[in-house]
């Protein structure tokens, strides 16, 4: 797992002072377009970009990804209507969230969303008493990682530094919690399929 020192660094990044937020919020850089490091699904030329800031340890995020995401993907991403951008924004416990995101990155772009999906589904195991660390190791091993490779992945200094930078992007975009959704740069408050449809459909070309 991530070391206590690295976890502390992530916590400091994730709980930046509100005063800093007020200074940097006017410099939002990524709510309407992709940036380096984004993980993306869908047609690059889709008329609508939906950005989600989420955490693999966020219960509401887990519920959205298990209950809403499959239909959202089928209706909007797979049809070329939406380019979906997933951004990492760790929430407590930070060590588990960070390890989950680092593992997904280590798995590579072609398996990134598969790992995120597996971790989101594993929240049900945590609620039944399975230690999150055990679930993450199982997911890593199912993806072909040895325990040594898994440990090296989630403690890599360069990877942790890159995650810190992605957290700061969320702060600059005014994100204070998860999940947070933007549709073509506008934050929406209802992430249900109905709420997303209400924000997306008026932006689609007339058929």
Foldseek 3Di string as FASTA:
>chain_A
DADPVLQVVLVCLQCDDVVVLVVQQVVQDPQQHDDPPWQKAADPPALKEKEKEAFLLDLVVLCCLVPAVVVCCVVDRVVRNYMYTYFYRHDPVRLLRLLQQLLLVVLDSVCNVVSSNQSSVCVVVVVVPDPSVVSNQVSSVVSPDDPVRSVCSSHPPVSSVVSSVSNVSCSSNVDNDPTWMHMSNHTFDDPHPVRVCVVRVVSGDDD
